[in-house]
N, C-alpha and C. Protein backbone atom coordinates (compact mmCIF):
# COMPACT_ATOMS: atom_id res chain seq x y z
N VAL A 1 9.27 28.71 12.10
CA VAL A 1 9.78 27.29 12.16
C VAL A 1 8.55 26.43 13.08
N SER A 2 8.62 27.82 13.92
CA SER A 2 7.22 27.34 15.03
C SER A 2 5.90 27.21 14.40
N THR A 3 5.83 27.65 13.15
CA THR A 3 4.58 26.82 12.53
C THR A 3 4.20 25.97 11.88
N SER A 4 5.46 25.40 12.06
CA SER A 4 5.61 24.26 10.70
C SER A 4 5.55 22.72 11.83
N HIS A 5 5.19 22.72 13.05
CA HIS A 5 5.44 21.46 13.55
C HIS A 5 4.31 20.41 13.11
N LEU A 6 3.18 20.92 12.40
CA LEU A 6 2.35 19.82 12.13
C LEU A 6 2.85 19.37 10.82
N GLN A 7 3.37 19.91 10.08
CA GLN A 7 4.25 19.49 8.86
C GLN A 7 5.34 18.86 8.78
N LEU A 8 6.06 19.16 9.87
CA LEU A 8 7.17 18.02 10.24
C LEU A 8 6.54 16.79 10.69
N ALA A 9 5.47 16.62 11.67
CA ALA A 9 4.91 15.35 11.67
C ALA A 9 4.16 14.63 10.80
N ALA A 10 3.53 15.48 9.74
CA ALA A 10 3.34 15.22 8.48
C ALA A 10 4.16 14.16 7.51
N PHE A 11 5.57 15.03 7.84
CA PHE A 11 6.46 14.08 6.73
C PHE A 11 6.92 12.92 7.56
N ALA A 12 6.89 12.85 9.08
CA ALA A 12 7.26 11.63 9.70
C ALA A 12 5.99 10.55 9.55
N LEU A 13 4.96 10.88 9.59
CA LEU A 13 3.82 10.29 9.55
C LEU A 13 3.63 9.51 7.98
N GLY A 14 4.15 10.35 6.92
CA GLY A 14 4.21 10.22 5.49
C GLY A 14 5.30 9.22 5.19
N THR A 15 6.36 9.40 5.65
CA THR A 15 7.45 8.45 5.64
C THR A 15 7.07 6.75 6.09
N VAL A 16 6.13 6.57 7.28
CA VAL A 16 6.20 5.51 7.61
C VAL A 16 4.72 4.90 6.73
N GLY A 17 3.90 5.63 6.31
CA GLY A 17 2.63 5.67 5.66
C GLY A 17 3.21 4.66 3.89
N TRP A 18 4.47 5.35 3.92
CA TRP A 18 4.92 5.22 2.37
C TRP A 18 5.87 3.61 2.79
N ILE A 19 6.55 3.40 3.75
CA ILE A 19 6.78 2.36 4.14
C ILE A 19 5.93 1.05 3.93
N LEU A 20 5.09 1.38 5.16
CA LEU A 20 4.26 0.53 4.87
C LEU A 20 3.18 -0.15 3.86
N CYS A 21 3.09 0.95 2.65
CA CYS A 21 2.34 1.03 2.00
C CYS A 21 3.44 0.18 0.88
N THR A 22 4.52 0.25 0.75
CA THR A 22 5.48 -0.56 0.06
C THR A 22 5.67 -2.10 0.66
N VAL A 23 5.52 -2.07 1.83
CA VAL A 23 5.55 -3.60 2.72
C VAL A 23 4.22 -4.39 2.31
N SER A 24 3.04 -3.92 2.24
CA SER A 24 1.99 -4.30 1.81
C SER A 24 1.65 -4.88 0.72
N MET A 25 2.18 -3.88 -0.28
CA MET A 25 2.37 -4.36 -1.64
C MET A 25 3.46 -5.61 -1.90
N GLY A 26 4.49 -5.81 -1.05
CA GLY A 26 5.29 -6.85 -1.45
C GLY A 26 4.98 -8.05 -0.71
N ILE A 27 4.45 -8.23 0.24
CA ILE A 27 4.09 -9.32 0.91
C ILE A 27 2.79 -10.03 0.20
N VAL A 28 2.73 -11.42 0.53
CA VAL A 28 2.08 -12.41 -0.20
C VAL A 28 0.52 -12.58 0.54
N GLU A 29 0.43 -12.32 1.63
CA GLU A 29 -0.52 -12.41 2.93
C GLU A 29 -1.50 -11.61 2.63
N TRP A 30 -2.16 -11.26 1.48
CA TRP A 30 -3.21 -10.69 1.07
C TRP A 30 -4.41 -11.58 1.80
N ARG A 31 -4.77 -12.71 1.22
CA ARG A 31 -5.82 -13.37 1.73
C ARG A 31 -5.35 -14.93 2.06
N VAL A 32 -5.93 -15.19 3.39
CA VAL A 32 -5.31 -16.42 3.98
C VAL A 32 -6.55 -17.90 3.58
N TRP A 33 -6.06 -18.69 2.87
CA TRP A 33 -7.20 -19.67 2.30
C TRP A 33 -6.84 -20.86 3.10
N HIS A 34 -7.97 -21.50 4.00
CA HIS A 34 -7.83 -22.78 4.66
C HIS A 34 -8.65 -23.90 3.40
N VAL A 35 -7.47 -24.77 3.35
CA VAL A 35 -8.30 -25.84 2.28
C VAL A 35 -8.40 -27.11 2.99
N ASP A 36 -9.10 -28.16 2.75
CA ASP A 36 -9.72 -29.31 3.01
C ASP A 36 -8.40 -30.23 2.78
N ASN A 37 -8.22 -30.35 1.22
CA ASN A 37 -7.41 -31.37 0.59
C ASN A 37 -5.85 -30.88 1.11
N THR A 38 -4.79 -31.68 1.73
CA THR A 38 -3.57 -31.53 1.85
C THR A 38 -2.90 -32.32 1.11
N THR A 39 -3.28 -33.10 -0.14
CA THR A 39 -2.62 -34.02 -0.65
C THR A 39 -1.32 -33.10 -1.09
N ILE A 40 -1.38 -31.53 -1.85
CA ILE A 40 -0.51 -31.08 -2.24
C ILE A 40 0.00 -29.65 -1.70
N ILE A 41 -1.10 -28.97 -0.83
CA ILE A 41 -0.89 -28.15 0.03
C ILE A 41 -0.96 -28.76 1.01
N SER A 42 0.27 -28.94 1.74
CA SER A 42 0.21 -29.95 3.08
C SER A 42 -0.07 -29.46 4.24
N SER A 43 0.15 -28.17 4.65
CA SER A 43 -0.13 -27.31 5.70
C SER A 43 -1.63 -26.92 5.56
N GLY A 44 -2.36 -27.10 4.48
CA GLY A 44 -3.71 -26.62 4.55
C GLY A 44 -3.95 -25.14 4.53
N ILE A 45 -3.09 -24.56 4.36
CA ILE A 45 -3.22 -22.91 4.23
C ILE A 45 -2.36 -22.09 3.03
N ALA A 46 -2.72 -21.62 2.21
CA ALA A 46 -2.28 -21.14 1.20
C ALA A 46 -2.42 -19.69 1.20
N TRP A 47 -1.58 -18.47 0.69
CA TRP A 47 -1.47 -17.37 0.72
C TRP A 47 -1.66 -16.81 -0.66
N VAL A 48 -2.67 -16.42 -0.89
CA VAL A 48 -2.97 -15.65 -2.05
C VAL A 48 -2.70 -14.14 -1.87
N GLY A 49 -1.79 -13.63 -2.58
CA GLY A 49 -1.25 -12.17 -2.66
C GLY A 49 -1.40 -11.29 -3.80
N ILE A 50 -1.06 -10.20 -4.20
CA ILE A 50 -1.50 -9.26 -5.65
C ILE A 50 -0.63 -9.66 -6.70
N TRP A 51 0.51 -10.59 -6.35
CA TRP A 51 1.62 -10.55 -7.53
C TRP A 51 1.51 -12.30 -7.65
N LYS A 52 1.54 -13.30 -6.59
CA LYS A 52 1.65 -14.61 -6.75
C LYS A 52 0.83 -15.22 -5.56
N VAL A 53 0.88 -16.49 -5.74
CA VAL A 53 0.12 -17.46 -4.63
C VAL A 53 1.10 -18.28 -4.17
N CYS A 54 1.14 -18.74 -2.87
CA CYS A 54 2.25 -19.60 -2.46
C CYS A 54 1.64 -20.47 -1.41
N PHE A 55 2.17 -21.90 -1.01
CA PHE A 55 1.62 -22.39 -0.16
C PHE A 55 2.95 -23.46 0.45
N ILE A 56 2.85 -24.22 1.55
CA ILE A 56 4.03 -25.40 1.42
C ILE A 56 3.34 -26.80 0.89
N SER A 57 4.33 -26.93 0.66
CA SER A 57 4.10 -28.31 -0.16
C SER A 57 5.19 -29.84 0.20
N TYR A 58 5.02 -30.59 0.56
CA TYR A 58 6.01 -31.48 0.75
C TYR A 58 6.21 -32.59 -0.50
N LEU A 59 5.53 -32.18 -1.59
CA LEU A 59 5.55 -32.94 -2.71
C LEU A 59 6.64 -32.01 -3.85
N HIS A 60 7.46 -32.63 -4.85
CA HIS A 60 7.77 -31.72 -5.71
C HIS A 60 7.23 -31.34 -6.63
N VAL A 61 6.77 -30.17 -6.31
CA VAL A 61 5.65 -29.52 -7.27
C VAL A 61 6.69 -28.32 -8.19
N SER A 62 7.62 -28.18 -7.67
CA SER A 62 8.54 -26.72 -8.38
C SER A 62 9.72 -27.35 -8.14
N PRO A 63 10.58 -27.27 -9.24
CA PRO A 63 12.38 -27.86 -8.52
C PRO A 63 12.82 -26.73 -8.23
N GLY A 64 12.30 -25.25 -8.35
CA GLY A 64 13.02 -24.39 -7.80
C GLY A 64 12.62 -24.02 -6.37
N TYR A 65 11.61 -25.10 -5.53
CA TYR A 65 11.70 -24.83 -4.25
C TYR A 65 11.58 -26.07 -3.40
N LYS A 66 12.08 -26.02 -2.45
CA LYS A 66 12.34 -27.37 -1.62
C LYS A 66 10.62 -27.59 -0.76
N GLU A 67 10.22 -26.91 0.03
CA GLU A 67 8.85 -26.99 0.61
C GLU A 67 8.04 -25.67 -0.01
N GLN A 68 8.31 -24.63 -0.07
CA GLN A 68 7.53 -23.69 -0.41
C GLN A 68 7.28 -23.35 -2.46
N PHE A 69 6.03 -23.30 -2.45
CA PHE A 69 5.76 -23.36 -3.89
C PHE A 69 5.00 -22.08 -4.07
N CYS A 70 5.32 -21.13 -5.32
CA CYS A 70 5.10 -20.15 -5.53
C CYS A 70 4.53 -20.21 -6.81
N ARG A 71 3.70 -19.28 -7.36
CA ARG A 71 2.99 -19.06 -8.72
C ARG A 71 3.08 -17.69 -8.88
N LYS A 72 3.90 -17.08 -9.71
CA LYS A 72 3.46 -15.85 -10.25
C LYS A 72 2.24 -15.44 -10.87
N PHE A 73 1.55 -14.36 -10.86
CA PHE A 73 0.80 -14.02 -12.19
C PHE A 73 1.17 -13.58 -13.05
N SER A 74 1.19 -14.26 -14.34
CA SER A 74 1.97 -13.34 -15.39
C SER A 74 0.86 -12.80 -16.14
N GLY A 75 1.32 -11.87 -16.84
CA GLY A 75 0.19 -10.97 -17.79
C GLY A 75 -1.25 -10.59 -17.47
N TYR A 76 -2.07 -10.75 -18.29
CA TYR A 76 -3.59 -10.88 -17.73
C TYR A 76 -4.11 -12.13 -17.89
N ASP A 77 -4.43 -12.68 -16.73
CA ASP A 77 -5.62 -14.08 -16.70
C ASP A 77 -6.66 -13.71 -16.45
N SER A 78 -7.54 -13.89 -17.49
CA SER A 78 -9.12 -13.77 -16.81
C SER A 78 -9.34 -14.40 -15.65
N SER A 79 -8.93 -15.55 -15.44
CA SER A 79 -9.43 -16.16 -13.89
C SER A 79 -8.82 -15.26 -12.88
N ILE A 80 -7.97 -14.58 -13.15
CA ILE A 80 -7.62 -13.82 -11.61
C ILE A 80 -8.69 -12.63 -11.47
N PRO A 81 -9.28 -12.37 -10.50
CA PRO A 81 -9.92 -11.53 -9.91
C PRO A 81 -9.50 -10.02 -10.41
N ARG A 82 -10.56 -9.15 -10.92
CA ARG A 82 -9.85 -7.91 -11.10
C ARG A 82 -9.41 -7.12 -9.84
N GLU A 83 -10.05 -7.44 -8.59
CA GLU A 83 -9.38 -6.73 -7.58
C GLU A 83 -7.67 -6.84 -7.21
N ILE A 84 -7.61 -7.98 -7.58
CA ILE A 84 -6.13 -8.32 -7.56
C ILE A 84 -5.14 -7.42 -8.45
N TYR A 85 -5.42 -7.58 -10.00
CA TYR A 85 -4.98 -6.57 -10.82
C TYR A 85 -5.15 -5.28 -10.67
N ALA A 86 -6.32 -4.59 -9.70
CA ALA A 86 -6.49 -3.65 -9.61
C ALA A 86 -5.55 -2.70 -8.62
N ALA A 87 -5.23 -3.92 -7.82
CA ALA A 87 -4.55 -3.82 -6.53
C ALA A 87 -2.99 -3.64 -6.97
N GLN A 88 -2.23 -3.97 -7.85
CA GLN A 88 -1.37 -4.04 -8.29
C GLN A 88 -0.93 -2.72 -9.01
N GLY A 89 -1.86 -1.98 -9.91
CA GLY A 89 -1.76 -0.93 -10.63
C GLY A 89 -1.99 0.51 -9.36
N LEU A 90 -2.65 -0.04 -8.73
CA LEU A 90 -3.18 1.09 -7.52
C LEU A 90 -2.09 1.34 -6.47
N LEU A 91 -1.51 0.05 -6.14
CA LEU A 91 -0.26 0.08 -5.01
C LEU A 91 1.11 0.94 -5.98
N LEU A 92 1.09 0.49 -7.10
CA LEU A 92 2.24 1.06 -7.90
C LEU A 92 2.21 2.33 -7.85
N ILE A 93 0.81 2.95 -8.21
CA ILE A 93 0.80 4.55 -8.22
C ILE A 93 0.74 5.27 -6.95
N ALA A 94 0.31 4.48 -6.03
CA ALA A 94 0.28 5.08 -4.27
C ALA A 94 1.81 5.01 -4.25
N THR A 95 2.72 4.04 -4.20
CA THR A 95 4.05 4.22 -4.09
C THR A 95 4.66 5.53 -4.68
N CYS A 96 4.27 5.40 -6.01
CA CYS A 96 5.07 7.08 -6.60
C CYS A 96 4.36 8.17 -6.21
N MET A 97 2.96 8.33 -5.83
CA MET A 97 2.57 9.46 -5.26
C MET A 97 3.14 9.65 -3.89
N GLY A 98 3.21 8.85 -3.04
CA GLY A 98 3.75 9.01 -1.71
C GLY A 98 5.10 9.39 -2.09
N LEU A 99 6.11 8.92 -2.50
CA LEU A 99 7.35 9.31 -2.86
C LEU A 99 7.63 10.67 -3.30
N LEU A 100 6.55 10.90 -4.38
CA LEU A 100 6.48 12.67 -4.50
C LEU A 100 5.81 13.51 -3.19
N GLY A 101 4.72 13.28 -2.72
CA GLY A 101 4.67 14.02 -1.64
C GLY A 101 5.79 14.15 -0.58
N LEU A 102 6.57 13.22 -0.26
CA LEU A 102 7.73 13.44 0.93
C LEU A 102 8.58 14.23 0.24
N THR A 103 8.97 14.20 -1.43
CA THR A 103 9.80 15.03 -2.28
C THR A 103 9.48 16.16 -1.63
N ALA A 104 8.22 16.80 -2.09
CA ALA A 104 7.36 18.20 -1.91
C ALA A 104 7.57 18.93 -0.46
N THR A 105 7.41 17.79 0.47
CA THR A 105 7.25 18.16 2.03
C THR A 105 8.72 18.62 2.44
N ILE A 106 9.58 17.89 1.85
CA ILE A 106 11.28 17.99 2.07
C ILE A 106 11.46 18.90 1.55
N PHE A 107 11.16 19.71 0.76
CA PHE A 107 11.42 20.69 -0.22
C PHE A 107 10.94 21.86 0.72
N ALA A 108 9.88 21.80 1.18
CA ALA A 108 9.12 22.72 1.77
C ALA A 108 9.67 22.87 3.22
N LEU A 109 9.86 21.87 3.98
CA LEU A 109 10.38 22.16 5.05
C LEU A 109 11.94 22.98 5.04
N ARG A 110 12.80 22.38 3.87
CA ARG A 110 13.98 22.84 3.90
C ARG A 110 14.09 24.20 3.79
N ASN A 111 13.08 24.95 3.19
CA ASN A 111 12.96 26.38 3.05
C ASN A 111 12.42 26.84 4.31
N VAL A 112 11.80 26.46 5.11
CA VAL A 112 11.40 26.74 6.48
C VAL A 112 12.41 26.96 7.36
N TYR A 113 12.98 25.72 7.30
CA TYR A 113 13.92 25.76 8.54
C TYR A 113 15.52 26.16 8.54
N MET A 114 15.44 26.46 6.87
CA MET A 114 16.64 27.24 6.41
C MET A 114 16.69 29.05 6.43
N GLY A 115 15.13 29.19 6.98
CA GLY A 115 14.37 30.83 6.94
C GLY A 115 14.55 31.43 5.80
N ILE A 116 14.09 30.27 4.75
CA ILE A 116 13.84 30.94 3.16
C ILE A 116 12.32 31.70 3.11
N ALA A 117 12.27 32.75 3.16
CA ALA A 117 10.76 33.37 3.29
C ALA A 117 10.31 33.41 2.17
N GLN A 118 10.03 32.32 1.15
CA GLN A 118 9.43 32.64 0.06
C GLN A 118 7.91 31.92 0.20
N LYS A 119 7.04 32.93 0.71
CA LYS A 119 5.75 32.30 1.01
C LYS A 119 4.87 31.29 -0.09
N THR A 120 4.99 32.05 -1.48
CA THR A 120 4.45 31.56 -2.51
C THR A 120 5.10 29.73 -2.73
N LEU A 121 6.08 29.93 -2.73
CA LEU A 121 6.85 28.24 -2.78
C LEU A 121 6.72 27.73 -1.66
N ILE A 122 6.82 28.12 -0.35
CA ILE A 122 6.55 27.39 0.53
C ILE A 122 5.23 26.59 0.86
N THR A 123 4.55 27.79 0.72
CA THR A 123 2.81 27.13 0.82
C THR A 123 2.50 26.19 -0.40
N ARG A 124 2.76 26.37 -1.72
CA ARG A 124 2.60 25.39 -2.67
C ARG A 124 3.22 23.98 -2.36
N PHE A 125 4.54 23.87 -1.87
CA PHE A 125 4.77 22.60 -2.05
C PHE A 125 4.22 21.96 -0.98
N PHE A 126 3.89 22.54 0.31
CA PHE A 126 3.21 21.56 1.39
C PHE A 126 1.65 21.51 0.73
N LEU A 127 1.45 22.27 -0.10
CA LEU A 127 -0.17 21.73 -0.70
C LEU A 127 -0.04 20.82 -1.66
N VAL A 128 1.10 20.65 -2.61
CA VAL A 128 1.37 19.62 -3.47
C VAL A 128 1.59 18.41 -2.71
N GLY A 129 2.47 18.21 -1.52
CA GLY A 129 2.63 17.28 -0.64
C GLY A 129 1.55 17.12 -0.47
N GLY A 130 0.54 17.76 0.25
CA GLY A 130 -0.42 17.11 1.02
C GLY A 130 -1.63 16.36 0.10
N PHE A 131 -1.77 16.90 -1.40
CA PHE A 131 -2.61 16.57 -2.32
C PHE A 131 -1.79 14.86 -2.71
N PHE A 132 -0.42 14.60 -3.01
CA PHE A 132 0.06 13.39 -3.18
C PHE A 132 -0.05 12.61 -2.35
N TYR A 133 0.09 13.17 -0.81
CA TYR A 133 -0.59 12.18 0.65
C TYR A 133 -1.50 11.45 0.35
N ILE A 134 -2.64 12.37 0.47
CA ILE A 134 -4.00 12.07 0.22
C ILE A 134 -4.48 11.07 -1.12
N LEU A 135 -3.73 11.33 -2.02
CA LEU A 135 -4.12 10.76 -3.45
C LEU A 135 -3.52 9.01 -2.97
N ALA A 136 -2.08 9.01 -2.49
CA ALA A 136 -1.64 7.89 -2.36
C ALA A 136 -2.38 7.27 -1.31
N GLY A 137 -3.24 7.61 0.10
CA GLY A 137 -3.65 7.26 0.48
C GLY A 137 -5.29 6.52 0.25
N LEU A 138 -5.46 7.26 -1.19
CA LEU A 138 -6.91 6.70 -1.57
C LEU A 138 -6.55 5.52 -2.42
N CYS A 139 -5.48 5.65 -2.84
CA CYS A 139 -5.24 4.71 -4.13
C CYS A 139 -4.69 3.13 -2.99
N VAL A 140 -4.60 3.11 -1.92
CA VAL A 140 -4.26 2.09 -1.14
C VAL A 140 -5.55 1.75 -0.71
N LEU A 141 -6.41 2.71 -0.16
CA LEU A 141 -7.48 2.54 0.53
C LEU A 141 -8.64 1.46 -0.52
N ILE A 142 -8.71 1.54 -1.81
CA ILE A 142 -9.36 0.87 -2.66
C ILE A 142 -8.89 -0.18 -2.71
N PRO A 143 -7.79 -0.85 -2.72
CA PRO A 143 -7.48 -2.03 -3.22
C PRO A 143 -7.53 -2.93 -1.94
N VAL A 144 -7.11 -2.39 -0.89
CA VAL A 144 -7.48 -3.01 0.52
C VAL A 144 -9.07 -3.29 0.90
N SER A 145 -9.64 -2.20 0.52
CA SER A 145 -11.28 -2.56 0.91
C SER A 145 -11.67 -3.48 -0.09
N TRP A 146 -11.38 -3.16 -1.08
CA TRP A 146 -11.74 -4.50 -2.32
C TRP A 146 -11.54 -5.87 -1.86
N ASN A 147 -10.29 -6.15 -1.52
CA ASN A 147 -9.74 -7.48 -0.89
C ASN A 147 -10.29 -8.31 0.24
N PHE A 148 -10.59 -6.93 0.89
CA PHE A 148 -11.28 -7.30 2.42
C PHE A 148 -12.78 -7.67 2.22
N TYR A 149 -13.45 -6.98 1.76
CA TYR A 149 -14.66 -7.44 0.98
C TYR A 149 -14.30 -8.54 0.38
N SER A 150 -13.71 -8.94 -0.56
CA SER A 150 -13.60 -10.31 -1.50
C SER A 150 -13.45 -11.58 -0.21
N VAL A 151 -12.54 -11.14 0.85
CA VAL A 151 -12.46 -12.15 1.62
C VAL A 151 -13.74 -12.13 2.88
N MET A 152 -14.05 -11.25 3.33
CA MET A 152 -15.44 -11.38 4.14
C MET A 152 -16.49 -12.36 3.66
N HIS A 153 -16.79 -12.55 1.87
CA HIS A 153 -17.57 -12.92 1.29
C HIS A 153 -17.25 -14.32 0.71
N ASN A 154 -16.11 -14.32 1.29
CA ASN A 154 -15.50 -15.84 0.71
C ASN A 154 -15.64 -16.36 -0.42
N GLN A 155 -14.84 -15.22 -1.53
CA GLN A 155 -14.99 -15.17 -3.25
C GLN A 155 -14.14 -16.05 -3.12
N SER A 156 -14.39 -16.95 -4.32
CA SER A 156 -13.56 -18.04 -5.17
C SER A 156 -12.77 -17.39 -5.99
N ILE A 157 -11.87 -18.35 -6.62
CA ILE A 157 -11.03 -17.71 -7.74
C ILE A 157 -10.51 -19.04 -8.62
N ALA A 158 -10.78 -18.96 -9.85
CA ALA A 158 -11.10 -20.24 -10.80
C ALA A 158 -9.19 -20.35 -11.35
N PHE A 159 -8.20 -20.74 -10.22
CA PHE A 159 -7.11 -20.74 -10.74
C PHE A 159 -6.77 -22.08 -11.67
N PRO A 160 -5.93 -21.62 -12.84
CA PRO A 160 -5.85 -22.66 -13.64
C PRO A 160 -5.07 -23.97 -13.35
N PRO A 161 -4.85 -25.19 -13.72
CA PRO A 161 -4.35 -26.14 -13.14
C PRO A 161 -2.79 -26.12 -12.40
N SER A 162 -1.93 -25.18 -13.28
CA SER A 162 -0.56 -25.02 -12.91
C SER A 162 -0.45 -24.41 -11.81
N TYR A 163 -1.50 -23.80 -10.88
CA TYR A 163 -0.99 -23.05 -9.86
C TYR A 163 -1.45 -24.00 -8.30
N TYR A 164 -2.07 -25.55 -8.85
CA TYR A 164 -2.29 -26.41 -7.72
C TYR A 164 -3.00 -25.62 -6.50
N MET A 165 -4.08 -25.05 -7.25
CA MET A 165 -4.81 -24.26 -6.03
C MET A 165 -6.26 -24.73 -6.08
N PRO A 166 -7.10 -25.07 -5.16
CA PRO A 166 -8.49 -25.61 -5.42
C PRO A 166 -9.10 -23.94 -6.02
N SER A 167 -10.40 -24.09 -6.33
CA SER A 167 -10.94 -23.04 -6.95
C SER A 167 -11.82 -22.28 -6.11
N SER A 168 -11.90 -22.63 -4.80
CA SER A 168 -12.28 -22.24 -3.68
C SER A 168 -12.22 -22.64 -2.26
N PRO A 169 -11.83 -21.63 -1.19
CA PRO A 169 -11.58 -22.41 -0.07
C PRO A 169 -12.20 -22.91 1.14
N ALA A 170 -12.18 -23.76 1.75
CA ALA A 170 -13.04 -24.17 3.13
C ALA A 170 -13.66 -22.76 3.82
N ALA A 171 -12.56 -21.78 3.94
CA ALA A 171 -12.82 -20.66 4.46
C ALA A 171 -11.49 -19.99 4.63
N GLN A 172 -11.71 -18.66 4.44
CA GLN A 172 -10.46 -17.66 4.34
C GLN A 172 -10.62 -16.55 5.06
N GLU A 173 -9.42 -15.76 5.70
CA GLU A 173 -9.15 -14.90 6.45
C GLU A 173 -8.67 -13.58 5.99
N ALA A 174 -8.34 -12.56 6.39
CA ALA A 174 -7.39 -11.09 5.71
C ALA A 174 -6.12 -11.76 6.18
N GLY A 175 -5.41 -11.71 5.50
CA GLY A 175 -3.80 -11.55 5.82
C GLY A 175 -3.15 -10.69 6.18
N ALA A 176 -1.85 -10.58 6.51
CA ALA A 176 -1.20 -9.60 7.52
C ALA A 176 -1.04 -8.09 6.52
N ALA A 177 -1.38 -8.23 5.05
CA ALA A 177 -1.35 -7.25 4.15
C ALA A 177 -2.38 -5.98 4.13
N ILE A 178 -3.53 -6.68 4.71
CA ILE A 178 -4.54 -5.90 4.98
C ILE A 178 -4.66 -4.73 5.88
N PRO A 179 -4.30 -5.22 7.22
CA PRO A 179 -4.22 -4.31 8.71
C PRO A 179 -2.91 -3.41 8.44
N ILE A 180 -2.16 -3.95 7.15
CA ILE A 180 -0.86 -2.99 7.22
C ILE A 180 -1.22 -1.91 6.19
N GLY A 181 -1.92 -2.21 5.49
CA GLY A 181 -2.67 -1.28 4.40
C GLY A 181 -3.45 -0.10 5.09
N ILE A 182 -4.56 -0.60 5.83
CA ILE A 182 -5.11 0.30 6.43
C ILE A 182 -4.38 1.32 7.25
N VAL A 183 -3.09 1.11 7.89
CA VAL A 183 -2.78 2.04 8.98
C VAL A 183 -2.06 2.98 8.03
N ALA A 184 -1.60 2.29 6.60
CA ALA A 184 -0.49 2.94 5.80
C ALA A 184 -1.87 4.15 5.20
N VAL A 185 -2.92 4.08 4.97
CA VAL A 185 -4.08 4.45 4.67
C VAL A 185 -4.27 5.76 5.51
N ILE A 186 -4.19 5.45 6.73
CA ILE A 186 -4.49 6.35 7.84
C ILE A 186 -3.64 7.28 7.97
N LEU A 187 -2.21 6.74 8.27
CA LEU A 187 -1.25 7.85 8.05
C LEU A 187 -0.78 8.51 6.90
N LEU A 188 -1.01 8.27 5.80
CA LEU A 188 -1.21 8.93 4.52
C LEU A 188 -2.46 10.09 4.54
N LEU A 189 -3.36 9.81 5.21
CA LEU A 189 -4.62 10.82 4.99
C LEU A 189 -3.88 11.81 6.06
N LEU A 190 -3.80 11.15 7.24
CA LEU A 190 -3.27 12.35 8.52
C LEU A 190 -1.98 13.11 7.84
N SER A 191 -1.01 12.57 6.94
CA SER A 191 -0.06 13.64 6.60
C SER A 191 -0.52 14.35 6.11
N GLY A 192 -1.37 13.97 4.68
CA GLY A 192 -1.88 15.16 3.59
C GLY A 192 -2.81 16.40 4.36
N THR A 193 -3.70 15.87 5.66
CA THR A 193 -4.59 16.73 6.38
C THR A 193 -3.28 17.72 6.76
N PHE A 194 -2.37 17.31 7.36
CA PHE A 194 -1.34 18.06 8.19
C PHE A 194 -0.84 19.04 7.21
N SER A 195 -0.33 18.63 6.15
CA SER A 195 0.49 19.33 5.04
C SER A 195 -0.56 20.59 4.45
N LEU A 196 -1.97 20.13 4.20
CA LEU A 196 -2.85 21.18 3.62
C LEU A 196 -3.23 22.08 4.52
N SER A 197 -2.97 22.15 5.80
CA SER A 197 -3.38 22.88 7.27
C SER A 197 -2.33 23.96 7.30
N TYR A 198 -1.18 23.82 6.72
CA TYR A 198 -0.15 24.62 6.76
C TYR A 198 -0.58 26.33 6.05
N ARG A 199 0.04 26.89 7.03
CA ARG A 199 -0.63 28.65 6.71
C ARG A 199 0.76 29.37 7.22
N PHE A 200 1.23 30.06 5.97
CA PHE A 200 2.23 31.20 5.85
C PHE A 200 2.21 32.14 7.58
N PRO A 201 3.19 32.13 8.42
CA PRO A 201 2.95 33.47 9.08
C PRO A 201 2.80 34.80 8.64
N VAL A 202 1.99 35.47 9.07
CA VAL A 202 2.10 37.28 8.34
C VAL A 202 2.78 37.97 9.50
N THR A 203 3.90 38.71 9.24
CA THR A 203 4.97 39.20 10.11
C THR A 203 5.22 40.51 9.32
N ALA A 204 5.35 41.65 10.22
CA ALA A 204 5.82 42.96 9.45
C ALA A 204 7.01 42.61 8.57
N ASN A 205 7.75 42.16 9.20
CA ASN A 205 9.33 41.94 8.64
C ASN A 205 9.43 40.82 7.39
N THR A 206 8.42 40.43 7.19
CA THR A 206 8.51 38.92 6.15
C THR A 206 8.60 39.59 4.75
N VAL A 207 9.61 38.97 4.29
CA VAL A 207 9.83 39.11 2.54
C VAL A 207 9.05 38.30 2.12
N THR A 208 8.07 38.54 1.29
CA THR A 208 7.62 37.41 0.19
C THR A 208 7.88 37.94 -1.22
N LYS A 209 7.90 36.55 -1.72
CA LYS A 209 8.13 36.68 -3.32
C LYS A 209 7.07 35.54 -4.39
């Protein structure tokens, strides 16, 4: 048990990183657009996420919303940039990989804390868990970096008319999802490193299988 403190920390960090990954995937604030024309976008601010775009409007632009109008990205629209669709797929993969990493780590820690001295099984599950953590971290890193690059270069998006969005903002900034994603990447990569560093203790009384 005394040799698995780092792996216990890996499980804790991996859990928080996985939660932050799912949070960043769900919120809409990936890019914050500042627009000059407030006729429809009343607050002058719109949020561009990886699943939908939202803004506050005092016009009846949608019968389902009182003030906030949201338009989901449906299917594959050539006008939506590739980094948005890439983020959808990669974050879904990251969520699955992170969950597999947590499962493998739980199984290995269970054997350690229950005193089941199966060296090969414990070591392999820590290695598998570490691999999944690192893979999940990389899958989050790519869309976060790609979208951050697009924000820093103030790249425009040719939205269809039904989105009620301008093709380019006056200015834009990174939304809350990007720093949350960065923290998730750091935690998942640390978790993977800690899990991969596990070394089964060598003692004279150890029975290995």
